[in-house]
Structure formats: C-alpha cells, structure tokens
N, C-alpha and C. Protein backbone atom coordinates (compact mmCIF):
# COMPACT_ATOMS: atom_id res chain seq x y z
N UNK A 1 -3.09 -7.51 10.91
CA UNK A 1 -4.23 -8.19 10.34
C UNK A 1 -4.29 -9.62 10.89
N UNK A 2 -5.48 -10.03 11.24
CA UNK A 2 -5.66 -11.40 11.72
C UNK A 2 -5.50 -12.38 10.56
N UNK A 3 -4.99 -13.54 10.89
CA UNK A 3 -4.94 -14.58 9.87
C UNK A 3 -6.25 -15.34 9.89
N UNK A 4 -6.53 -16.02 8.82
CA UNK A 4 -7.76 -16.80 8.75
C UNK A 4 -7.79 -17.82 9.87
N UNK A 5 -6.67 -18.43 10.17
CA UNK A 5 -6.60 -19.44 11.23
C UNK A 5 -6.99 -18.83 12.58
N UNK A 6 -6.52 -17.61 12.87
CA UNK A 6 -6.87 -16.94 14.12
C UNK A 6 -8.37 -16.68 14.20
N UNK A 7 -8.94 -16.19 13.12
CA UNK A 7 -10.36 -15.88 13.08
C UNK A 7 -11.19 -17.15 13.27
N UNK A 8 -10.83 -18.20 12.54
CA UNK A 8 -11.59 -19.45 12.64
C UNK A 8 -11.44 -20.09 14.01
N UNK A 9 -10.28 -19.93 14.63
CA UNK A 9 -10.07 -20.46 15.97
C UNK A 9 -11.02 -19.82 16.97
N UNK A 10 -11.33 -18.56 16.77
CA UNK A 10 -12.24 -17.85 17.67
C UNK A 10 -13.67 -18.34 17.53
N UNK A 11 -14.02 -18.91 16.40
CA UNK A 11 -15.39 -19.39 16.21
C UNK A 11 -15.45 -20.91 16.07
N UNK A 12 -14.43 -21.58 16.63
CA UNK A 12 -14.39 -23.04 16.69
C UNK A 12 -14.42 -23.73 15.33
N UNK A 13 -13.78 -23.16 14.32
CA UNK A 13 -13.69 -23.80 13.01
C UNK A 13 -12.26 -24.18 12.67
N UNK A 14 -11.38 -24.08 13.66
CA UNK A 14 -9.97 -24.36 13.40
C UNK A 14 -9.75 -25.79 12.90
N UNK A 15 -10.48 -26.75 13.44
CA UNK A 15 -10.34 -28.14 12.99
C UNK A 15 -10.71 -28.27 11.52
N UNK A 16 -11.77 -27.62 11.12
CA UNK A 16 -12.17 -27.63 9.71
C UNK A 16 -11.13 -26.98 8.83
N UNK A 17 -10.53 -25.89 9.33
CA UNK A 17 -9.48 -25.19 8.58
C UNK A 17 -8.30 -26.11 8.31
N UNK A 18 -7.97 -26.93 9.27
CA UNK A 18 -6.83 -27.84 9.11
C UNK A 18 -7.10 -28.90 8.04
N UNK A 19 -8.34 -29.14 7.72
CA UNK A 19 -8.69 -30.13 6.69
C UNK A 19 -8.65 -29.56 5.27
N UNK A 20 -8.51 -28.24 5.17
CA UNK A 20 -8.43 -27.63 3.85
C UNK A 20 -7.06 -27.89 3.23
N UNK A 21 -7.03 -27.96 1.91
CA UNK A 21 -5.74 -28.07 1.22
C UNK A 21 -5.03 -26.72 1.29
N UNK A 22 -3.74 -26.72 1.01
CA UNK A 22 -2.99 -25.45 1.00
C UNK A 22 -3.62 -24.47 0.03
N UNK A 23 -4.00 -24.96 -1.12
CA UNK A 23 -4.60 -24.09 -2.15
C UNK A 23 -5.92 -23.52 -1.67
N UNK A 24 -6.77 -24.34 -1.06
CA UNK A 24 -8.05 -23.86 -0.54
C UNK A 24 -7.84 -22.79 0.53
N UNK A 25 -6.89 -23.02 1.42
CA UNK A 25 -6.58 -22.03 2.46
C UNK A 25 -6.16 -20.71 1.83
N UNK A 26 -5.27 -20.78 0.86
CA UNK A 26 -4.76 -19.56 0.23
C UNK A 26 -5.86 -18.83 -0.52
N UNK A 27 -6.69 -19.56 -1.26
CA UNK A 27 -7.78 -18.94 -2.02
C UNK A 27 -8.77 -18.26 -1.07
N UNK A 28 -9.14 -18.93 0.00
CA UNK A 28 -10.08 -18.36 0.96
C UNK A 28 -9.48 -17.12 1.63
N UNK A 29 -8.19 -17.18 1.97
CA UNK A 29 -7.51 -16.03 2.56
C UNK A 29 -7.47 -14.86 1.60
N UNK A 30 -7.07 -15.13 0.36
CA UNK A 30 -7.00 -14.06 -0.64
C UNK A 30 -8.37 -13.42 -0.87
N UNK A 31 -9.41 -14.24 -0.93
CA UNK A 31 -10.75 -13.74 -1.24
C UNK A 31 -11.37 -12.99 -0.06
N UNK A 32 -11.42 -13.63 1.11
CA UNK A 32 -12.15 -13.08 2.23
C UNK A 32 -11.37 -12.09 3.08
N UNK A 33 -10.06 -12.28 3.21
CA UNK A 33 -9.29 -11.40 4.07
C UNK A 33 -8.55 -10.31 3.31
N UNK A 34 -8.10 -10.62 2.11
CA UNK A 34 -7.31 -9.65 1.37
C UNK A 34 -8.11 -8.95 0.27
N UNK A 35 -9.34 -9.40 0.04
CA UNK A 35 -10.24 -8.70 -0.86
C UNK A 35 -10.03 -8.91 -2.34
N UNK A 36 -9.28 -9.93 -2.71
CA UNK A 36 -9.08 -10.21 -4.14
C UNK A 36 -10.34 -10.82 -4.73
N UNK A 37 -10.57 -10.59 -5.98
CA UNK A 37 -11.69 -11.19 -6.71
C UNK A 37 -11.23 -12.51 -7.32
N UNK A 38 -12.21 -13.36 -7.64
CA UNK A 38 -11.89 -14.66 -8.22
C UNK A 38 -11.02 -14.53 -9.47
N UNK A 39 -11.31 -13.53 -10.28
CA UNK A 39 -10.54 -13.33 -11.52
C UNK A 39 -9.07 -13.05 -11.22
N UNK A 40 -8.82 -12.25 -10.18
CA UNK A 40 -7.45 -11.92 -9.80
C UNK A 40 -6.71 -13.13 -9.24
N UNK A 41 -7.41 -13.92 -8.45
CA UNK A 41 -6.80 -15.13 -7.89
C UNK A 41 -6.51 -16.12 -9.01
N UNK A 42 -7.40 -16.20 -9.98
CA UNK A 42 -7.21 -17.10 -11.12
C UNK A 42 -5.95 -16.73 -11.90
N UNK A 43 -5.73 -15.45 -12.09
CA UNK A 43 -4.52 -15.00 -12.79
C UNK A 43 -3.28 -15.40 -11.99
N UNK A 44 -3.33 -15.23 -10.67
CA UNK A 44 -2.22 -15.60 -9.79
C UNK A 44 -1.86 -17.08 -9.95
N UNK A 45 -2.88 -17.94 -9.98
CA UNK A 45 -2.65 -19.38 -10.09
C UNK A 45 -2.53 -19.87 -11.53
N UNK A 46 -2.91 -19.04 -12.48
CA UNK A 46 -2.84 -19.44 -13.88
C UNK A 46 -3.90 -20.46 -14.26
N UNK A 47 -5.07 -20.35 -13.61
CA UNK A 47 -6.18 -21.25 -13.91
C UNK A 47 -7.44 -20.40 -14.12
N UNK A 48 -8.53 -21.03 -14.49
CA UNK A 48 -9.75 -20.27 -14.80
C UNK A 48 -10.45 -19.79 -13.52
N UNK A 49 -11.25 -18.74 -13.71
CA UNK A 49 -12.05 -18.20 -12.61
C UNK A 49 -13.02 -19.25 -12.07
N UNK A 50 -13.56 -20.06 -12.97
CA UNK A 50 -14.52 -21.07 -12.55
C UNK A 50 -13.88 -22.09 -11.61
N UNK A 51 -12.65 -22.43 -11.86
CA UNK A 51 -11.95 -23.38 -10.97
C UNK A 51 -11.73 -22.74 -9.60
N UNK A 52 -11.36 -21.47 -9.58
CA UNK A 52 -11.18 -20.77 -8.31
C UNK A 52 -12.49 -20.74 -7.53
N UNK A 53 -13.57 -20.41 -8.21
CA UNK A 53 -14.89 -20.37 -7.56
C UNK A 53 -15.24 -21.73 -6.98
N UNK A 54 -14.98 -22.77 -7.75
CA UNK A 54 -15.28 -24.13 -7.28
C UNK A 54 -14.41 -24.51 -6.08
N UNK A 55 -13.11 -24.20 -6.12
CA UNK A 55 -12.21 -24.53 -5.02
C UNK A 55 -12.58 -23.76 -3.74
N UNK A 56 -12.94 -22.50 -3.91
CA UNK A 56 -13.35 -21.69 -2.76
C UNK A 56 -14.62 -22.27 -2.15
N UNK A 57 -15.57 -22.63 -3.00
CA UNK A 57 -16.81 -23.23 -2.52
C UNK A 57 -16.58 -24.55 -1.81
N UNK A 58 -15.69 -25.34 -2.35
CA UNK A 58 -15.36 -26.63 -1.75
C UNK A 58 -14.75 -26.42 -0.35
N UNK A 59 -13.88 -25.43 -0.23
CA UNK A 59 -13.27 -25.13 1.06
C UNK A 59 -14.30 -24.64 2.06
N UNK A 60 -15.20 -23.77 1.63
CA UNK A 60 -16.23 -23.26 2.52
C UNK A 60 -17.16 -24.39 2.97
N UNK A 61 -17.46 -25.30 2.07
CA UNK A 61 -18.29 -26.46 2.41
C UNK A 61 -17.62 -27.28 3.51
N UNK A 62 -16.32 -27.49 3.39
CA UNK A 62 -15.59 -28.23 4.43
C UNK A 62 -15.69 -27.52 5.76
N UNK A 63 -15.58 -26.20 5.76
CA UNK A 63 -15.67 -25.44 7.01
C UNK A 63 -17.07 -25.53 7.61
N UNK A 64 -18.09 -25.54 6.78
CA UNK A 64 -19.47 -25.60 7.27
C UNK A 64 -19.78 -26.91 7.96
N UNK A 65 -19.03 -27.95 7.67
CA UNK A 65 -19.27 -29.25 8.29
C UNK A 65 -18.87 -29.27 9.75
N UNK A 66 -18.18 -28.21 10.21
CA UNK A 66 -17.72 -28.18 11.60
C UNK A 66 -18.41 -27.15 12.41
C-alpha cells in the first residue's frame, strides 16, 4: 500500500504534507487510505467526532494551499 507521503509526492503536495501536524497526518491517513470513519478515529484518539472532522478539514485546507 502506498503511503500518503508517496501519493502526495506524485502530485506535488509533499511540501504541504510536511506542514501537517503528526495528528493531522495520521487522521488523514486513517480516513483516506485505511478507510476508517471519523467516529472510529475519534474512539482511537479518545476525542469527539467533531474534533476529528475539524482536524481533518484543517489538514486538507493546508494541503490545498500548495
């Protein structure tokens, strides 16, 4: 399986990926590559689904800037 970093490198978003926090990277990887739902990721981190959704959105916004 490709890592998110490999995929983003192919579409010139690697620099944006490096600006993500560790948590944002992990949430985006779990959601988009491993198919977990926000609720499942929230249980993993012990925080609310809304926070996961917000963190994922924040990470995607950072990637869109590049």
